Protein backbone atom coordinates (compact mmCIF):
# COMPACT_ATOMS: atom_id res chain seq x y z
CA MET A 1 128.33 112.65 88.15
CA THR A 2 128.70 109.47 86.18
CA SER A 3 130.32 109.30 83.05
CA VAL A 4 128.00 106.72 80.49
CA THR A 5 130.16 105.64 77.81
CA GLN A 6 129.05 103.06 74.71
CA GLY A 7 130.54 99.58 74.75
CA ALA A 8 129.95 96.34 72.95
CA ALA A 9 127.57 95.38 76.13
CA SER A 10 125.39 97.82 75.99
CA PRO A 11 122.03 96.97 74.86
CA THR A 12 120.92 98.92 71.85
CA PRO A 13 117.62 101.14 71.49
CA VAL A 14 114.61 99.71 70.08
CA GLY A 15 112.71 102.27 67.93
CA VAL A 16 113.93 105.85 67.23
CA SER A 17 117.11 107.22 68.60
CA GLY A 18 120.00 109.77 68.29
CA THR A 19 123.44 109.34 68.00
CA VAL A 20 125.81 111.71 70.70
CA LEU A 21 127.45 114.76 68.89
CA GLN A 22 129.41 115.31 71.34
CA ARG A 23 129.85 115.23 75.06
CA ALA A 24 126.50 115.77 77.00
CA ASN A 25 124.83 116.23 79.78
CA VAL A 26 121.74 114.07 80.73
CA ARG A 27 119.64 116.42 82.61
CA ASP A 28 116.36 115.04 84.84
CA GLY A 29 114.25 118.02 82.93
CA PRO A 30 114.20 119.81 80.04
CA SER A 31 116.51 122.82 80.61
CA THR A 32 119.15 124.28 81.97
CA ALA A 33 117.57 125.97 84.80
CA GLY A 34 116.18 124.74 87.36
CA THR A 35 117.37 120.91 86.63
CA HIS A 36 120.21 118.55 87.92
CA VAL A 37 122.90 116.67 85.48
CA LEU A 38 121.50 113.13 86.19
CA GLU A 39 124.80 111.45 83.67
CA THR A 40 126.85 112.81 80.93
CA VAL A 41 127.32 110.58 77.84
CA ASP A 42 129.88 110.53 75.47
CA VAL A 43 130.60 110.99 71.53
CA GLY A 44 128.86 108.11 69.76
CA THR A 45 126.44 107.12 72.86
CA LEU A 46 123.16 105.48 71.34
CA LEU A 47 120.14 106.95 73.03
CA LYS A 48 116.31 105.46 72.35
CA LEU A 49 113.95 108.53 72.03
CA ARG A 50 110.84 108.51 74.05
CA ALA A 51 109.63 112.56 73.37
CA VAL A 52 110.86 115.88 72.00
CA THR A 53 109.54 119.23 73.49
CA GLN A 54 107.92 121.41 71.77
CA ASP A 55 109.98 123.71 70.53
CA GLY A 56 112.26 121.10 69.48
CA ASN A 57 115.20 122.08 71.85
CA TRP A 58 115.13 119.28 74.20
CA TYR A 59 114.55 115.03 73.67
CA ALA A 60 113.50 112.62 76.03
CA VAL A 61 115.64 109.77 76.31
CA THR A 62 116.36 106.26 77.58
CA LEU A 63 120.32 105.54 78.48
CA PRO A 64 121.47 102.36 77.27
CA GLN A 65 121.48 101.42 81.07
CA GLY A 66 117.73 102.12 81.27
CA ARG A 67 117.85 105.47 83.15
CA ASP A 68 115.15 107.96 81.56
CA GLY A 69 116.54 111.67 81.22
CA TRP A 70 116.29 114.79 78.96
CA VAL A 71 119.15 115.82 76.43
CA TYR A 72 119.70 119.21 74.94
CA GLY A 73 118.76 117.98 70.62
CA ARG A 74 121.76 120.04 69.12
CA LEU A 75 123.76 117.50 70.81
CA LEU A 76 122.38 114.67 69.01
CA ARG A 77 122.20 113.56 65.33
CA VAL A 78 118.80 112.26 64.97
CA ASP A 79 116.87 111.12 61.81
CA GLN A 80 114.14 113.82 61.69
CA GLY A 81 111.85 111.29 60.00
CA ALA A 82 111.79 108.71 61.73
CA ALA A 83 111.84 111.62 64.91
CA SER A 84 108.49 113.18 63.20
CA GLY A 85 106.55 110.16 65.22
CA LEU A 86 107.97 110.94 68.41
CA LEU A 87 105.44 112.04 71.43
CA VAL A 88 105.71 116.07 71.55
CA LEU A 89 105.55 116.98 74.92
CA PRO A 90 103.46 120.28 75.75
CA PRO A 91 104.91 123.44 77.42
CA PRO A 92 104.56 122.51 80.86
CA ALA A 93 102.77 125.46 82.08
CA PRO A 94 99.44 124.88 83.60
CA SER A 95 97.78 128.73 81.95
CA ALA A 96 94.12 127.19 81.80
CA VAL A 97 93.66 126.47 85.44
CA ALA A 98 95.75 129.40 86.68
CA VAL A 99 93.31 131.61 84.71
CA LEU A 100 90.15 130.31 85.64
CA VAL A 101 91.63 129.96 89.68
CA THR A 102 91.57 133.74 88.96
CA ALA A 103 87.98 134.29 86.88
CA VAL A 104 85.88 132.28 89.68
CA SER A 105 87.49 132.97 93.18
CA PRO A 106 85.58 135.78 93.68
CA VAL A 107 82.84 133.56 94.83
CA ALA A 108 84.48 133.09 98.29
CA THR A 109 82.57 136.40 98.92
CA LEU A 110 79.72 135.74 97.61
CA ALA A 111 79.28 132.57 99.60
CA SER A 112 81.43 133.04 102.65
CA ALA A 113 83.34 130.10 101.27
CA ALA A 114 86.74 129.22 102.31
CA SER A 115 89.21 130.60 99.38
CA ILE A 116 90.33 128.13 96.63
CA PRO A 117 94.06 127.53 97.51
CA THR A 118 93.46 126.20 101.09
CA ILE A 119 90.66 124.28 100.53
CA ALA A 120 91.08 120.78 102.53
CA PRO A 121 91.55 117.54 101.16
CA THR A 122 87.95 115.81 101.42
CA THR A 123 86.37 118.71 103.32
CA LEU A 124 84.79 120.51 100.32
CA PRO A 125 82.28 122.67 101.24
CA ALA A 126 78.69 121.05 101.48
CA PRO A 127 76.95 121.62 98.56
CA THR A 128 73.51 123.24 101.59
CA ALA A 129 76.46 125.69 102.58
CA THR A 130 74.96 127.54 99.87
CA PRO A 131 71.46 128.44 99.08
CA VAL A 132 70.67 126.60 96.20
CA VAL A 133 67.41 125.95 93.68
CA PRO A 134 65.19 123.34 95.55
CA ALA A 135 65.27 119.85 93.63
CA GLY A 136 62.56 119.84 90.93
CA SER A 137 62.10 123.63 91.19
CA VAL A 138 61.63 125.13 86.99
CA SER A 139 61.03 128.32 88.42
CA THR A 140 62.40 131.93 86.41
CA ASP A 141 62.45 133.57 89.49
CA PRO A 142 65.31 136.05 89.32
CA LEU A 143 66.57 135.39 93.17
CA ALA A 144 66.35 131.40 92.05
CA ARG A 145 68.70 132.09 89.58
CA ALA A 146 71.48 133.87 91.60
CA ARG A 147 71.38 131.54 94.07
CA TYR A 148 72.28 128.60 91.61
CA ILE A 149 75.08 130.51 90.30
CA MET A 150 76.37 131.51 93.39
CA ALA A 151 76.49 126.93 94.29
CA ALA A 152 77.56 126.74 90.71
CA LEU A 153 80.56 129.31 91.02
CA ASP A 154 81.41 127.69 94.17
CA ALA A 155 80.99 123.92 92.94
CA ALA A 156 83.44 124.96 89.94
CA GLY A 157 86.21 126.91 91.69
CA ALA A 158 86.45 124.33 94.36
CA TYR A 159 87.08 121.79 91.18
CA SER A 160 89.23 124.48 89.41
CA GLY A 161 91.60 124.61 93.32
CA ALA A 162 91.38 120.82 92.60
CA LEU A 163 92.65 120.06 89.24
CA GLN A 164 95.08 123.11 89.83
CA ARG A 165 96.83 121.36 92.26
CA VAL A 166 96.90 117.84 90.42
CA GLY A 167 98.71 119.85 87.76
CA GLU A 168 101.38 121.74 89.46
CA GLN A 169 101.86 117.85 90.73
CA THR A 170 101.83 116.80 86.93
CA ASN A 171 104.13 119.73 85.71
CA ARG A 172 106.87 119.21 88.08
CA ALA A 173 106.82 115.18 87.01
CA VAL A 174 107.34 116.51 83.28
CA ARG A 175 110.22 118.78 84.15
CA ARG A 176 111.89 115.68 86.71
CA PRO A 177 110.80 111.86 85.02
CA THR A 178 112.74 110.54 88.03
CA LEU A 179 109.98 112.07 90.54
CA LEU A 180 107.78 109.18 88.96
CA ARG A 181 110.04 107.66 91.53
CA ASP A 182 109.55 109.62 94.48
CA PRO A 183 107.32 107.64 97.07
CA ALA A 184 106.75 111.76 98.42
CA TRP A 185 105.69 112.98 95.04
CA ARG A 186 103.24 109.98 94.40
CA SER A 187 101.57 109.99 97.61
CA THR A 188 100.72 114.31 97.35
CA THR A 189 99.51 113.38 93.70
CA SER A 190 97.37 110.62 94.93
CA MET A 191 96.08 112.92 97.58
CA ALA A 192 95.11 115.63 94.79
CA LEU A 193 93.49 113.28 92.69
CA LYS A 194 91.26 112.08 95.35
CA ASP A 195 90.68 116.01 96.66
CA LEU A 196 89.69 116.31 92.69
CA ASN A 197 87.33 112.95 92.64
CA ALA A 198 85.78 114.32 96.00
CA ALA A 199 85.12 118.04 94.44
CA ALA A 200 83.51 116.79 91.25
CA ALA A 201 81.02 115.00 93.12
CA HIS A 202 80.40 117.90 95.12
CA VAL A 203 79.61 119.69 91.08
CA GLY A 204 77.52 115.97 91.22
CA GLN A 205 75.52 117.14 94.15
CA LEU A 206 74.00 120.77 92.90
CA GLN A 207 70.29 120.75 92.94
CA PRO A 208 68.47 121.34 89.42
CA ALA A 209 69.12 124.39 87.44
CA PRO A 210 66.31 126.89 86.78
CA PRO A 211 65.49 126.72 82.62
CA GLN A 212 67.61 129.31 81.37
CA LEU A 213 70.64 127.86 82.74
CA GLN A 214 70.27 124.31 81.99
CA ASN A 215 72.73 124.37 79.05
CA LEU A 216 75.22 125.75 81.48
CA ASP A 217 74.75 123.21 84.01
CA SER A 218 74.57 120.23 81.97
CA ALA A 219 78.33 121.56 80.87
CA LEU A 220 79.37 122.02 83.95
CA ARG A 221 78.27 118.40 85.29
CA ARG A 222 79.55 116.92 82.07
CA VAL A 223 83.89 118.08 83.24
CA ALA A 224 83.01 116.87 86.13
CA GLY A 225 81.61 113.33 84.84
CA GLN A 226 84.53 113.25 82.90
CA THR A 227 86.88 113.25 85.91
CA PRO A 228 86.81 109.54 87.49
CA THR A 229 88.26 108.14 84.06
CA PHE A 230 91.24 111.05 84.08
CA THR A 231 92.00 110.25 87.59
CA ALA A 232 92.06 106.29 86.82
CA ASP A 233 94.61 106.63 84.05
CA TYR A 234 96.31 109.44 86.14
CA ALA A 235 96.63 105.76 88.96
CA ARG A 236 97.84 103.79 86.42
CA THR A 237 100.41 105.88 85.37
CA ILE A 238 102.05 106.63 88.11
CA GLN A 239 101.90 102.78 88.87
CA THR A 240 103.68 102.35 85.44
CA GLN A 241 106.20 105.50 86.41
CA SER A 242 105.97 106.06 82.26
CA PRO A 243 106.77 109.77 81.12
CA VAL A 244 105.44 108.85 77.84
CA ASP A 245 101.70 108.33 79.62
CA LEU A 246 102.85 111.29 82.12
CA ALA A 247 102.44 113.90 78.46
CA THR A 248 99.77 112.34 77.67
CA THR A 249 97.38 112.42 80.88
CA LEU A 250 99.45 116.88 80.98
CA ARG A 251 96.73 116.93 78.06
CA ASP A 252 94.54 115.47 79.21
CA TRP A 253 94.96 117.68 81.99
CA GLN A 254 94.91 120.77 79.86
CA ARG A 255 91.46 119.64 78.08
CA LEU A 256 89.58 119.96 81.77
CA GLY A 257 91.20 122.84 82.50
CA ASN A 258 90.20 124.35 79.04
CA ALA A 259 86.60 123.16 79.77
CA ILE A 260 86.28 124.52 83.29
CA GLN A 261 87.14 127.73 82.31
CA ALA A 262 85.05 128.23 79.58
CA VAL A 263 82.16 127.22 81.85
CA GLY A 264 83.67 129.53 85.21
CA GLY A 265 83.62 132.34 82.45
CA GLU A 266 80.49 131.64 81.60
CA LEU A 267 79.12 131.51 85.05
CA GLN A 268 81.66 135.17 86.03
CA ARG A 269 79.21 136.51 83.01
CA MET A 270 75.94 135.66 84.11
CA ARG A 271 76.65 136.17 87.62
């Protein structure tokens, strides 16, 4: 564990900063549980503030030498007026997608699909594996309706499973920003993004919905259509290794999770 002291040669942080009030640990995540002490900083050290947790208890900081970490808020003197402009990090809990996976997983018994958590990369179920409405059909037959719902649940379940894996990687890095520089994390996250793009493409391959389900079909395809932009932005975040960009990515992930959860819940209701 290294001690960092303030000195004349240390660069002064630019933007919002906080002064250490008593000797403090700098951790690799916003908690004392499950995190590691990166360094300690002495009283009077000036730290650049990058973000704050939603409850205000932890600040994401940059040390004078440029290293990133987290410091408990009560150990810092911060100008609250200036700090009001800081990025507020949402709590790292993948609740939206976790709920959705529970909601849509019964499709595995309906369509004999593999369970969502074990979908292999780039081997998502082919759209022809589940009976679908023939192309161009406008049938209002109950069987056609049931077949479409089964196929859509299959696609939505695969998408939500892929999105959950992306969320798990994201939350790990939010808690430990140093993972942004870890080759193993970067490789695993890139693969998860590839799987998510494949799941979105699977949604796009669904056959046309019966007329009474076209609004729901449009909502499902809209979520899938937003995925390439999300994954491209995330790939740039992996390259920039920016915790602030990662926090923005997490919010975008939550929006996708909420959207697919709503679609999956409606499909389940109509099943």
